[in-house]
C-alpha atoms as a PDB file:
ATOM      1  CA  MET A   1     -14.933  67.068  83.554  1.00  0.00           C
ATOM      2  CA  MET A   2     -12.603  64.408  84.461  1.00  0.00           C
ATOM      3  CA  ALA A   3     -15.260  61.607  84.291  1.00  0.00           C
ATOM      4  CA  LYS A   4     -15.807  62.739  80.686  1.00  0.00           C
ATOM      5  CA  LYS A   5     -12.266  62.454  79.567  1.00  0.00           C
ATOM      6  CA  THR A   6     -12.060  59.062  81.491  1.00  0.00           C
ATOM      7  CA  MET A   7     -14.813  57.795  79.668  1.00  0.00           C
ATOM      8  CA  LYS A   8     -13.738  59.082  76.142  1.00  0.00           C
ATOM      9  CA  LYS A   9     -10.382  56.967  76.702  1.00  0.00           C
ATOM     10  CA  ILE A  10     -12.170  53.915  77.482  1.00  0.00           C
ATOM     11  CA  ILE A  11     -14.142  53.983  74.152  1.00  0.00           C
ATOM     12  CA  LEU A  12     -11.054  54.951  72.195  1.00  0.00           C
ATOM     13  CA  LEU A  13      -9.256  51.634  73.653  1.00  0.00           C
ATOM     14  CA  GLY A  14     -12.146  49.546  73.164  1.00  0.00           C
ATOM     15  CA  MET A  15     -12.424  50.399  69.267  1.00  0.00           C
ATOM     16  CA  ALA A  16      -8.540  49.836  69.119  1.00  0.00           C
ATOM     17  CA  MET A  17      -8.781  46.365  70.603  1.00  0.00           C
ATOM     18  CA  LEU A  18     -11.691  45.665  68.127  1.00  0.00           C
ATOM     19  CA  LEU A  19      -9.719  46.739  65.280  1.00  0.00           C
ATOM     20  CA  LEU A  20      -6.657  44.733  66.588  1.00  0.00           C
ATOM     21  CA  LEU A  21      -8.744  41.685  67.030  1.00  0.00           C
ATOM     22  CA  GLY A  22     -10.369  42.069  63.431  1.00  0.00           C
ATOM     23  CA  LEU A  23      -6.960  42.377  62.136  1.00  0.00           C
ATOM     24  CA  CYS A  24      -5.654  39.194  63.738  1.00  0.00           C
ATOM     25  CA  ALA A  25      -8.691  37.357  62.558  1.00  0.00           C
ATOM     26  CA  CYS A  26      -8.085  38.062  58.936  1.00  0.00           C
ATOM     27  CA  GLY A  27      -4.578  36.615  58.135  1.00  0.00           C
ATOM     28  CA  LYS A  28      -2.861  35.401  54.974  1.00  0.00           C
ATOM     29  CA  ALA A  29      -2.556  31.903  53.582  1.00  0.00           C
ATOM     30  CA  THR A  30      -0.671  30.306  50.539  1.00  0.00           C
ATOM     31  CA  VAL A  31      -3.174  28.367  48.544  1.00  0.00           C
ATOM     32  CA  GLN A  32      -2.191  25.815  45.610  1.00  0.00           C
ATOM     33  CA  ILE A  33      -4.479  25.204  42.933  1.00  0.00           C
ATOM     34  CA  ASN A  34      -4.203  21.972  41.021  1.00  0.00           C
ATOM     35  CA  ASP A  35      -6.096  22.283  37.908  1.00  0.00           C
ATOM     36  CA  GLY A  36      -5.927  19.175  36.030  1.00  0.00           C
ATOM     37  CA  GLY A  37      -2.030  19.028  36.808  1.00  0.00           C
ATOM     38  CA  VAL A  38      -1.476  22.721  36.169  1.00  0.00           C
ATOM     39  CA  MET A  39      -0.333  24.157  39.379  1.00  0.00           C
ATOM     40  CA  THR A  40      -1.316  27.786  40.513  1.00  0.00           C
ATOM     41  CA  GLU A  41       0.192  29.100  43.761  1.00  0.00           C
ATOM     42  CA  LEU A  42      -1.693  32.236  45.220  1.00  0.00           C
ATOM     43  CA  GLU A  43      -1.454  34.169  48.590  1.00  0.00           C
ATOM     44  CA  VAL A  44      -4.954  35.005  49.808  1.00  0.00           C
ATOM     45  CA  SER A  45      -6.601  36.576  52.824  1.00  0.00           C
ATOM     46  CA  VAL A  46      -8.136  33.945  55.112  1.00  0.00           C
ATOM     47  CA  PRO A  47     -10.810  32.869  55.878  1.00  0.00           C
ATOM     48  CA  ARG A  48     -12.009  32.867  52.160  1.00  0.00           C
ATOM     49  CA  THR A  49     -14.374  30.553  50.231  1.00  0.00           C
ATOM     50  CA  VAL A  50     -12.743  28.216  47.413  1.00  0.00           C
ATOM     51  CA  GLU A  51     -15.342  29.875  44.980  1.00  0.00           C
ATOM     52  CA  LYS A  52     -13.729  33.359  45.680  1.00  0.00           C
ATOM     53  CA  ILE A  53     -10.218  31.867  45.599  1.00  0.00           C
ATOM     54  CA  LEU A  54     -10.612  30.541  42.319  1.00  0.00           C
ATOM     55  CA  LYS A  55     -12.362  33.770  40.973  1.00  0.00           C
ATOM     56  CA  ASP A  56      -9.258  35.706  42.252  1.00  0.00           C
ATOM     57  CA  ALA A  57      -7.173  33.288  40.257  1.00  0.00           C
ATOM     58  CA  ASP A  58      -9.238  33.872  37.285  1.00  0.00           C
ATOM     59  CA  ILE A  59     -10.173  30.145  36.875  1.00  0.00           C
ATOM     60  CA  VAL A  60     -13.437  29.287  35.477  1.00  0.00           C
ATOM     61  CA  LEU A  61     -15.269  26.025  36.152  1.00  0.00           C
ATOM     62  CA  ASN A  62     -17.155  24.192  33.353  1.00  0.00           C
ATOM     63  CA  ASP A  63     -20.384  22.158  33.417  1.00  0.00           C
ATOM     64  CA  GLY A  64     -19.122  18.727  34.871  1.00  0.00           C
ATOM     65  CA  ASP A  65     -15.958  19.923  36.403  1.00  0.00           C
ATOM     66  CA  GLU A  66     -15.532  18.915  40.156  1.00  0.00           C
ATOM     67  CA  VAL A  67     -13.753  21.046  43.100  1.00  0.00           C
ATOM     68  CA  SER A  68     -12.386  19.652  46.156  1.00  0.00           C
ATOM     69  CA  PRO A  69     -12.901  20.968  48.715  1.00  0.00           C
ATOM     70  CA  SER A  70     -16.500  22.242  47.753  1.00  0.00           C
ATOM     71  CA  LEU A  71     -16.750  25.794  46.569  1.00  0.00           C
ATOM     72  CA  ASP A  72     -18.485  26.948  49.734  1.00  0.00           C
ATOM     73  CA  THR A  73     -15.496  25.518  51.735  1.00  0.00           C
ATOM     74  CA  LYS A  74     -13.878  28.263  53.740  1.00  0.00           C
ATOM     75  CA  VAL A  75     -10.205  28.199  53.587  1.00  0.00           C
ATOM     76  CA  LYS A  76      -8.436  29.285  56.879  1.00  0.00           C
ATOM     77  CA  ASP A  77      -4.798  28.134  56.003  1.00  0.00           C
ATOM     78  CA  ALA A  78      -2.553  26.917  53.564  1.00  0.00           C
ATOM     79  CA  GLN A  79      -4.318  24.214  51.621  1.00  0.00           C
ATOM     80  CA  GLU A  80      -4.426  22.796  48.123  1.00  0.00           C
ATOM     81  CA  ILE A  81      -7.487  22.994  46.015  1.00  0.00           C
ATOM     82  CA  VAL A  82      -8.136  20.350  43.193  1.00  0.00           C
ATOM     83  CA  ILE A  83      -9.903  20.756  40.150  1.00  0.00           C
ATOM     84  CA  SER A  84     -10.972  17.755  38.144  1.00  0.00           C
ATOM     85  CA  ARG A  85     -11.957  18.777  34.792  1.00  0.00           C
ATOM     86  CA  LYS A  86     -14.556  16.943  32.656  1.00  0.00           C
ATOM     87  CA  VAL A  87     -12.925  15.727  29.514  1.00  0.00           C
ATOM     88  CA  THR A  88     -13.599  13.745  26.427  1.00  0.00           C
ATOM     89  CA  VAL A  89     -10.452  11.785  25.143  1.00  0.00           C
ATOM     90  CA  LYS A  90     -10.045   9.365  21.983  1.00  0.00           C
ATOM     91  CA  LEU A  91      -8.664   5.878  22.931  1.00  0.00           C
ATOM     92  CA  THR A  92      -7.441   3.909  19.995  1.00  0.00           C
ATOM     93  CA  VAL A  93      -6.838   0.051  20.560  1.00  0.00           C
ATOM     94  CA  ASP A  94      -6.114  -2.326  17.897  1.00  0.00           C
ATOM     95  CA  GLY A  95      -7.152   0.121  15.241  1.00  0.00           C
ATOM     96  CA  GLU A  96     -10.443   0.835  16.894  1.00  0.00           C
ATOM     97  CA  THR A  97     -11.211   4.331  18.335  1.00  0.00           C
ATOM     98  CA  LYS A  98     -13.867   5.387  20.729  1.00  0.00           C
ATOM     99  CA  ASP A  99     -14.604   8.396  22.767  1.00  0.00           C
ATOM    100  CA  ILE A 100     -14.141   8.259  26.676  1.00  0.00           C
ATOM    101  CA  VAL A 101     -15.509  10.783  29.077  1.00  0.00           C
ATOM    102  CA  MET A 102     -14.002  11.062  32.202  1.00  0.00           C
ATOM    103  CA  VAL A 103     -13.710  13.645  35.198  1.00  0.00           C
ATOM    104  CA  GLY A 104     -10.243  14.157  36.106  1.00  0.00           C
ATOM    105  CA  GLY A 105      -7.803  11.483  36.196  1.00  0.00           C
ATOM    106  CA  THR A 106      -4.657  10.246  34.601  1.00  0.00           C
ATOM    107  CA  ILE A 107      -3.642   8.162  31.714  1.00  0.00           C
ATOM    108  CA  SER A 108      -3.220   5.298  34.302  1.00  0.00           C
ATOM    109  CA  ASP A 109      -6.660   6.006  35.581  1.00  0.00           C
ATOM    110  CA  LEU A 110      -7.961   5.783  32.045  1.00  0.00           C
ATOM    111  CA  LEU A 111      -6.544   2.309  31.251  1.00  0.00           C
ATOM    112  CA  LYS A 112      -7.751   1.049  34.537  1.00  0.00           C
ATOM    113  CA  GLN A 113     -11.556   2.390  33.988  1.00  0.00           C
ATOM    114  CA  GLU A 114     -11.153   0.609  30.554  1.00  0.00           C
ATOM    115  CA  GLY A 115      -9.764  -2.713  31.975  1.00  0.00           C
ATOM    116  CA  ILE A 116      -6.595  -2.364  29.877  1.00  0.00           C
ATOM    117  CA  THR A 117      -3.410  -3.927  31.073  1.00  0.00           C
ATOM    118  CA  LEU A 118      -0.469  -3.276  28.760  1.00  0.00           C
ATOM    119  CA  GLY A 119       1.359  -6.558  27.550  1.00  0.00           C
ATOM    120  CA  GLU A 120       5.172  -6.933  27.095  1.00  0.00           C
ATOM    121  CA  LYS A 121       5.324  -5.145  23.809  1.00  0.00           C
ATOM    122  CA  GLN A 122       2.649  -2.251  24.406  1.00  0.00           C
ATOM    123  CA  HIS A 123       2.930   1.181  25.693  1.00  0.00           C
ATOM    124  CA  VAL A 124       0.945   4.477  25.422  1.00  0.00           C
ATOM    125  CA  ASN A 125       1.783   7.635  23.613  1.00  0.00           C
ATOM    126  CA  TYR A 126       1.859   9.489  26.907  1.00  0.00           C
ATOM    127  CA  ASP A 127       3.380   9.134  30.374  1.00  0.00           C
ATOM    128  CA  LEU A 128       1.024   7.011  32.553  1.00  0.00           C
ATOM    129  CA  ASP A 129       1.247   9.757  35.146  1.00  0.00           C
ATOM    130  CA  GLU A 130       0.124  12.418  32.678  1.00  0.00           C
ATOM    131  CA  TYR A 131      -3.237  14.408  33.473  1.00  0.00           C
ATOM    132  CA  LEU A 132      -6.094  13.696  31.152  1.00  0.00           C
ATOM    133  CA  LYS A 133      -7.009  16.781  28.832  1.00  0.00           C
ATOM    134  CA  ASP A 134     -10.037  17.479  26.732  1.00  0.00           C
ATOM    135  CA  GLY A 135      -9.472  16.150  23.022  1.00  0.00           C
ATOM    136  CA  MET A 136      -6.472  14.069  23.987  1.00  0.00           C
ATOM    137  CA  GLU A 137      -5.755  11.266  21.645  1.00  0.00           C
ATOM    138  CA  VAL A 138      -4.621   8.252  23.756  1.00  0.00           C
ATOM    139  CA  LYS A 139      -3.288   5.238  21.817  1.00  0.00           C
ATOM    140  CA  ILE A 140      -2.114   1.834  22.628  1.00  0.00           C
ATOM    141  CA  LEU A 141       1.062   1.099  20.529  1.00  0.00           C
ATOM    142  CA  TYR A 142       2.663  -2.046  19.919  1.00  0.00           C
ATOM    143  CA  LEU A 143       6.426  -2.713  19.252  1.00  0.00           C
ATOM    144  CA  PHE A 144       6.618  -4.844  16.120  1.00  0.00           C
ATOM    145  CA  SER A 145       9.689  -6.542  14.688  1.00  0.00           C
ATOM    146  CA  VAL A 146       9.328  -6.513  10.837  1.00  0.00           C
ATOM    147  CA  GLU A 147      11.803  -7.247   7.791  1.00  0.00           C
ATOM    148  CA  VAL A 148      11.766  -5.198   4.761  1.00  0.00           C
ATOM    149  CA  GLU A 149      13.208  -6.333   1.524  1.00  0.00           C
ATOM    150  CA  CYS A 150      14.252  -3.743  -0.845  1.00  0.00           C
ATOM    151  CA  ASP A 151      16.797  -3.027  -3.619  1.00  0.00           C
ATOM    152  CA  GLY A 152      18.589  -6.400  -2.969  1.00  0.00           C
ATOM    153  CA  LYS A 153      18.845  -6.017   0.756  1.00  0.00           C
ATOM    154  CA  THR A 154      16.793  -7.152   3.865  1.00  0.00           C
ATOM    155  CA  GLN A 155      16.495  -4.765   6.630  1.00  0.00           C
ATOM    156  CA  LYS A 156      15.071  -5.851  10.224  1.00  0.00           C
ATOM    157  CA  GLN A 157      13.354  -3.076  12.193  1.00  0.00           C
ATOM    158  CA  GLU A 158      11.627  -2.660  15.633  1.00  0.00           C
ATOM    159  CA  THR A 159       8.947  -0.296  14.948  1.00  0.00           C
ATOM    160  CA  GLU A 160       5.743   1.342  16.487  1.00  0.00           C
ATOM    161  CA  ALA A 161       4.710   2.137  12.840  1.00  0.00           C
ATOM    162  CA  GLU A 162       0.689   1.397  12.433  1.00  0.00           C
ATOM    163  CA  THR A 163       0.868   0.891   8.701  1.00  0.00           C
ATOM    164  CA  VAL A 164       3.447  -0.268   6.055  1.00  0.00           C
ATOM    165  CA  GLU A 165       3.609   3.081   4.956  1.00  0.00           C
ATOM    166  CA  ASP A 166       4.871   4.442   8.105  1.00  0.00           C
ATOM    167  CA  VAL A 167       7.408   1.629   8.185  1.00  0.00           C
ATOM    168  CA  LEU A 168       8.808   2.863   4.802  1.00  0.00           C
ATOM    169  CA  LYS A 169       8.946   6.349   6.068  1.00  0.00           C
ATOM    170  CA  GLU A 170      10.987   5.425   9.017  1.00  0.00           C
ATOM    171  CA  LEU A 171      13.557   3.507   6.838  1.00  0.00           C
ATOM    172  CA  ASN A 172      13.552   6.450   4.332  1.00  0.00           C
ATOM    173  CA  ILE A 173      12.466   4.335   1.472  1.00  0.00           C
ATOM    174  CA  THR A 174      11.134   6.273  -1.310  1.00  0.00           C
ATOM    175  CA  LEU A 175       8.551   4.458  -3.690  1.00  0.00           C
ATOM    176  CA  GLY A 176       8.370   5.159  -7.329  1.00  0.00           C
ATOM    177  CA  LYS A 177       4.784   5.759  -8.954  1.00  0.00           C
ATOM    178  CA  ASP A 178       4.773   2.150 -10.188  1.00  0.00           C
ATOM    179  CA  ASP A 179       6.778   0.190  -7.607  1.00  0.00           C
ATOM    180  CA  ARG A 180       5.001  -2.807  -5.900  1.00  0.00           C
ATOM    181  CA  VAL A 181       4.593  -3.161  -2.119  1.00  0.00           C
ATOM    182  CA  THR A 182       3.556  -6.397  -0.531  1.00  0.00           C
ATOM    183  CA  PRO A 183       1.557  -6.037   1.789  1.00  0.00           C
ATOM    184  CA  ALA A 184      -0.103  -2.817   0.495  1.00  0.00           C
ATOM    185  CA  THR A 185       1.064   0.382   1.957  1.00  0.00           C
ATOM    186  CA  THR A 186      -2.338   0.690   3.796  1.00  0.00           C
ATOM    187  CA  ALA A 187      -2.033  -2.625   5.634  1.00  0.00           C
ATOM    188  CA  ALA A 188      -1.736  -2.506   9.366  1.00  0.00           C
ATOM    189  CA  VAL A 189       1.597  -3.792  10.634  1.00  0.00           C
ATOM    190  CA  THR A 190       1.955  -7.036  12.676  1.00  0.00           C
ATOM    191  CA  ASP A 191       4.275  -8.550  14.374  1.00  0.00           C
ATOM    192  CA  ASN A 192       7.158 -10.440  12.282  1.00  0.00           C
ATOM    193  CA  MET A 193       5.731  -9.109   8.988  1.00  0.00           C
ATOM    194  CA  HIS A 194       7.750  -9.555   5.900  1.00  0.00           C
ATOM    195  CA  ILE A 195       7.553  -6.352   3.705  1.00  0.00           C
ATOM    196  CA  VAL A 196       8.509  -6.497  -0.194  1.00  0.00           C
ATOM    197  CA  ILE A 197       9.178  -3.598  -2.187  1.00  0.00           C
ATOM    198  CA  ASN A 198       9.591  -4.297  -6.151  1.00  0.00           C
ATOM    199  CA  ARG A 199      11.168  -1.569  -8.112  1.00  0.00           C
ATOM    200  CA  ILE A 200       9.249  -1.470 -11.731  1.00  0.00           C
ATOM    201  CA  THR A 201      11.093  -0.015 -14.574  1.00  0.00           C
ATOM    202  CA  TYR A 202      10.142   0.402 -18.316  1.00  0.00           C
ATOM    203  CA  ASP A 203      11.887   0.471 -21.622  1.00  0.00           C
ATOM    204  CA  THR A 204      11.426   0.801 -25.185  1.00  0.00           C
ATOM    205  CA  VAL A 205      12.893  -1.786 -27.353  1.00  0.00           C
ATOM    206  CA  VAL A 206      12.497  -2.070 -31.170  1.00  0.00           C
ATOM    207  CA  GLU A 207      13.156  -5.519 -32.907  1.00  0.00           C
ATOM    208  CA  LYS A 208      13.144  -6.839 -36.477  1.00  0.00           C
ATOM    209  CA  GLU A 209      11.048  -9.722 -36.914  1.00  0.00           C
ATOM    210  CA  THR A 210      10.378 -12.305 -39.683  1.00  0.00           C
ATOM    211  CA  ILE A 211       6.932 -12.440 -41.300  1.00  0.00           C
ATOM    212  CA  ALA A 212       6.449 -16.085 -42.521  1.00  0.00           C
ATOM    213  CA  TYR A 213       5.012 -16.648 -45.920  1.00  0.00           C
ATOM    214  CA  GLU A 214       1.890 -18.837 -46.473  1.00  0.00           C
ATOM    215  CA  THR A 215       1.395 -21.929 -48.780  1.00  0.00           C
ATOM    216  CA  ILE A 216      -1.429 -21.729 -51.128  1.00  0.00           C
ATOM    217  CA  ARG A 217      -2.593 -24.840 -53.153  1.00  0.00           C
ATOM    218  CA  GLU A 218      -4.591 -24.201 -56.324  1.00  0.00           C
ATOM    219  CA  ASP A 219      -6.097 -26.792 -58.613  1.00  0.00           C
ATOM    220  CA  ASP A 220      -4.843 -27.085 -62.117  1.00  0.00           C
ATOM    221  CA  SER A 221      -6.410 -29.147 -64.845  1.00  0.00           C
ATOM    222  CA  SER A 222      -3.561 -28.956 -66.921  1.00  0.00           C
ATOM    223  CA  LEU A 223      -1.461 -31.103 -64.726  1.00  0.00           C
ATOM    224  CA  THR A 224      -2.136 -35.025 -63.990  1.00  0.00           C
ATOM    225  CA  GLN A 225      -3.542 -36.043 -60.750  1.00  0.00           C
ATOM    226  CA  GLY A 226      -0.526 -36.566 -58.340  1.00  0.00           C
ATOM    227  CA  GLN A 227       1.336 -33.775 -60.035  1.00  0.00           C
ATOM    228  CA  GLU A 228       2.206 -30.780 -58.391  1.00  0.00           C
ATOM    229  CA  GLN A 229       4.195 -27.658 -59.358  1.00  0.00           C
ATOM    230  CA  VAL A 230       5.372 -24.668 -57.683  1.00  0.00           C
ATOM    231  CA  SER A 231       4.165 -21.607 -59.603  1.00  0.00           C
ATOM    232  CA  VAL A 232       5.396 -18.867 -57.268  1.00  0.00           C
ATOM    233  CA  SER A 233       7.779 -19.369 -54.693  1.00  0.00           C
ATOM    234  CA  GLY A 234       7.551 -18.041 -51.089  1.00  0.00           C
ATOM    235  CA  GLU A 235       9.604 -15.529 -49.650  1.00  0.00           C
ATOM    236  CA  ASN A 236       9.475 -14.429 -46.089  1.00  0.00           C
ATOM    237  CA  GLY A 237       8.831 -10.867 -45.150  1.00  0.00           C
ATOM    238  CA  GLU A 238      10.430  -8.635 -42.376  1.00  0.00           C
ATOM    239  CA  LYS A 239       8.645  -6.248 -39.942  1.00  0.00           C
ATOM    240  CA  GLU A 240       9.936  -3.668 -37.321  1.00  0.00           C
ATOM    241  CA  VAL A 241       8.134  -4.079 -33.867  1.00  0.00           C
ATOM    242  CA  THR A 242       8.336  -1.477 -30.784  1.00  0.00           C
ATOM    243  CA  TYR A 243       7.775  -3.032 -27.505  1.00  0.00           C
ATOM    244  CA  LYS A 244       7.082  -1.348 -24.119  1.00  0.00           C
ATOM    245  CA  VAL A 245       9.081  -3.788 -21.770  1.00  0.00           C
ATOM    246  CA  THR A 246       8.253  -3.940 -17.981  1.00  0.00           C
ATOM    247  CA  TYR A 247      11.179  -5.037 -15.808  1.00  0.00           C
ATOM    248  CA  VAL A 248      10.717  -5.956 -12.093  1.00  0.00           C
ATOM    249  CA  ASP A 249      13.956  -5.391 -10.110  1.00  0.00           C
ATOM    250  CA  GLY A 250      15.728  -5.355 -13.378  1.00  0.00           C
ATOM    251  CA  VAL A 251      14.292  -8.531 -14.731  1.00  0.00           C
ATOM    252  CA  GLU A 252      11.840  -8.557 -17.643  1.00  0.00           C
ATOM    253  CA  GLU A 253       8.396  -9.284 -16.830  1.00  0.00           C
ATOM    254  CA  ALA A 254       6.381  -8.601 -19.671  1.00  0.00           C
ATOM    255  CA  ARG A 255       6.440  -6.865 -23.058  1.00  0.00           C
ATOM    256  CA  GLU A 256       3.637  -5.203 -24.931  1.00  0.00           C
ATOM    257  CA  ALA A 257       3.810  -4.033 -28.731  1.00  0.00           C
ATOM    258  CA  THR A 258       2.984  -0.425 -29.281  1.00  0.00           C
ATOM    259  CA  ASP A 259       3.754  -0.051 -32.982  1.00  0.00           C
ATOM    260  CA  GLU A 260       4.477  -2.152 -36.041  1.00  0.00           C
ATOM    261  CA  LYS A 261       6.121  -1.193 -39.320  1.00  0.00           C
ATOM    262  CA  ILE A 262       6.212  -3.616 -42.363  1.00  0.00           C
ATOM    263  CA  ILE A 263       9.659  -3.583 -44.026  1.00  0.00           C
ATOM    264  CA  LYS A 264       8.943  -6.019 -46.761  1.00  0.00           C
ATOM    265  CA  GLU A 265       5.878  -7.988 -47.480  1.00  0.00           C
ATOM    266  CA  ALA A 266       5.910 -11.846 -47.407  1.00  0.00           C
ATOM    267  CA  VAL A 267       5.244 -13.662 -50.766  1.00  0.00           C
ATOM    268  CA  ASN A 268       2.953 -16.514 -50.365  1.00  0.00           C
ATOM    269  CA  GLU A 269       4.059 -19.861 -52.188  1.00  0.00           C
ATOM    270  CA  VAL A 270       1.547 -21.073 -54.911  1.00  0.00           C
ATOM    271  CA  ILE A 271       1.627 -24.589 -55.736  1.00  0.00           C
ATOM    272  CA  LYS A 272      -0.381 -26.085 -58.600  1.00  0.00           C
ATOM    273  CA  VAL A 273      -2.054 -29.227 -57.956  1.00  0.00           C
ATOM    274  CA  GLY A 274      -2.953 -31.491 -60.891  1.00  0.00           C
ATOM    275  CA  THR A 275      -6.708 -32.506 -61.329  1.00  0.00           C
ATOM    276  CA  LYS A 276      -6.482 -34.216 -64.775  1.00  0.00           C
ATOM    277  CA  ALA A 277      -7.350 -38.054 -64.924  1.00  0.00           C
ATOM    278  CA  ALA A 278      -4.094 -40.050 -65.817  1.00  0.00           C
ATOM    279  CA  SER A 279      -4.218 -42.033 -69.312  1.00  0.00           C
ATOM    280  CA  SER A 280      -3.742 -45.670 -69.804  1.00  0.00           C
ATOM    281  CA  ALA A 281      -1.813 -46.888 -72.588  1.00  0.00           C
ATOM    282  CA  GLY A 282      -0.852 -50.681 -73.809  1.00  0.00           C
ATOM    283  CA  ASN A 283       2.908 -51.416 -74.140  1.00  0.00           C
ATOM    284  CA  SER A 284       4.482 -54.786 -75.398  1.00  0.00           C
ATOM    285  CA  GLY A 285       7.723 -54.603 -74.005  1.00  0.00           C
ATOM    286  CA  SER A 286      10.105 -57.095 -72.866  1.00  0.00           C
ATOM    287  CA  SER A 287       7.590 -58.301 -70.682  1.00  0.00           C
ATOM    288  CA  GLY A 288       6.303 -60.927 -73.128  1.00  0.00           C
ATOM    289  CA  GLY A 289       3.625 -58.726 -74.923  1.00  0.00           C
ATOM    290  CA  LEU A 290       1.527 -58.301 -71.885  1.00  0.00           C
ATOM    291  CA  GLY A 291       0.016 -54.589 -71.552  1.00  0.00           C
ATOM    292  CA  ARG A 292       1.100 -52.509 -68.574  1.00  0.00           C
ATOM    293  CA  THR A 293      -0.655 -49.608 -66.891  1.00  0.00           C
ATOM    294  CA  GLU A 294       0.451 -46.635 -65.069  1.00  0.00           C
ATOM    295  CA  VAL A 295       0.284 -47.335 -61.362  1.00  0.00           C
ATOM    296  CA  SER A 296       1.445 -43.959 -59.757  1.00  0.00           C
ATOM    297  CA  ARG A 297       3.367 -40.750 -60.705  1.00  0.00           C
ATOM    298  CA  LYS A 298       5.160 -38.584 -58.225  1.00  0.00           C
ATOM    299  CA  ALA A 299       6.613 -35.093 -58.945  1.00  0.00           C
ATOM    300  CA  PHE A 300       9.946 -34.130 -57.522  1.00  0.00           C
ATOM    301  CA  TYR A 301      10.790 -30.527 -57.955  1.00  0.00           C
ATOM    302  CA  ASP A 302      14.501 -28.908 -58.331  1.00  0.00           C
ATOM    303  CA  CYS A 303      15.577 -26.963 -55.324  1.00  0.00           C
ATOM    304  CA  ASP A 304      16.297 -23.808 -57.296  1.00  0.00           C
ATOM    305  CA  GLY A 305      12.586 -22.837 -57.099  1.00  0.00           C
ATOM    306  CA  SER A 306      12.239 -22.881 -60.982  1.00  0.00           C
ATOM    307  CA  GLY A 307       9.389 -25.258 -61.011  1.00  0.00           C
ATOM    308  CA  HIS A 308      11.277 -27.870 -62.977  1.00  0.00           C
ATOM    309  CA  GLY A 309      11.939 -31.437 -61.875  1.00  0.00           C
ATOM    310  CA  TYR A 310      10.906 -34.904 -62.597  1.00  0.00           C
ATOM    311  CA  TYR A 311       8.368 -37.477 -62.419  1.00  0.00           C
ATOM    312  CA  GLU A 312       8.834 -41.030 -61.063  1.00  0.00           C
ATOM    313  CA  ILE A 313       6.371 -43.201 -62.847  1.00  0.00           C
ATOM    314  CA  THR A 314       5.567 -46.773 -61.577  1.00  0.00           C
ATOM    315  CA  TYR A 315       3.800 -49.104 -63.611  1.00  0.00           C
ATOM    316  CA  SER A 316       1.618 -52.345 -63.000  1.00  0.00           C
ATOM    317  CA  ASP A 317       4.349 -54.375 -64.154  1.00  0.00           C
ATOM    318  CA  GLY A 318       6.530 -53.117 -61.512  1.00  0.00           C
ATOM    319  CA  THR A 319       8.766 -50.974 -63.910  1.00  0.00           C
ATOM    320  CA  VAL A 320       9.583 -47.340 -63.004  1.00  0.00           C
ATOM    321  CA  GLU A 321      10.501 -44.835 -65.355  1.00  0.00           C
ATOM    322  CA  TYR A 322      11.790 -41.270 -64.603  1.00  0.00           C
ATOM    323  CA  VAL A 323      10.656 -38.312 -66.992  1.00  0.00           C
ATOM    324  CA  ASP A 324      11.687 -34.613 -66.811  1.00  0.00           C
ATOM    325  CA  PHE A 325       9.322 -31.816 -66.850  1.00  0.00           C
END
């Protein structure tokens, strides 16, 4: 009877020792998970595989992702698990954009892979030690010195803007719908660029203008050749013209007639021109009885527009006569 009791105690003691050894073998450890720069700290029972630890942390791996140490590694004490995610990022350099696929890494790693060394006036739109993320748009930016001439002032600006339009936005310059920008707003910014904004305004101007009369010459057989007579005096007309005037920075550049209204019609001047042959007549004057002939006849008109005047007649003997008409 005593032997049975002793055996029972030995068995119970053995089971307790086995249980104690099992508890000692299954301890706790704090594991840090670096998931592309996102840190997660987790207390887990060890030993435990990396795969199970990630499952406990609800972390899902995608195709192409890498884990260190490997998924089947058994973690026995405090340790860091690093997940390198497969990402596609857009890299823009000098206006050209391309897709880059990487597994893990930082902005600095990306530049190193692409063989890019930043110049004095270059920088990136992220910190160099920032981890890459899927869909990230990485741009190599330049610091440009530009001058902007607008509204009578010239402003100097250090800018990272990519286009002229972006520069104007930085300077809070608002464009009117017809304002001119040189270079164009879509032009890429370059160092030491000079940008000019011309303000365009319009006005409507109404002006009175003279309509010049025309001179019309008509043959008249009742007048001798060389004779001319004004039958209708010319008079200038008048019109009212409406212009659309374009101003560039307040200075007139061009005008376009948009309407015209006749106030007074012009009266054309009509001049009668003699076509009748001149007649010759003998004359015995003080010239010793020798005959004379008319050499020329010129008409001179009064300035009052009446059509009257006088003829200056020159004869072959050199004498001149003046005859009113």
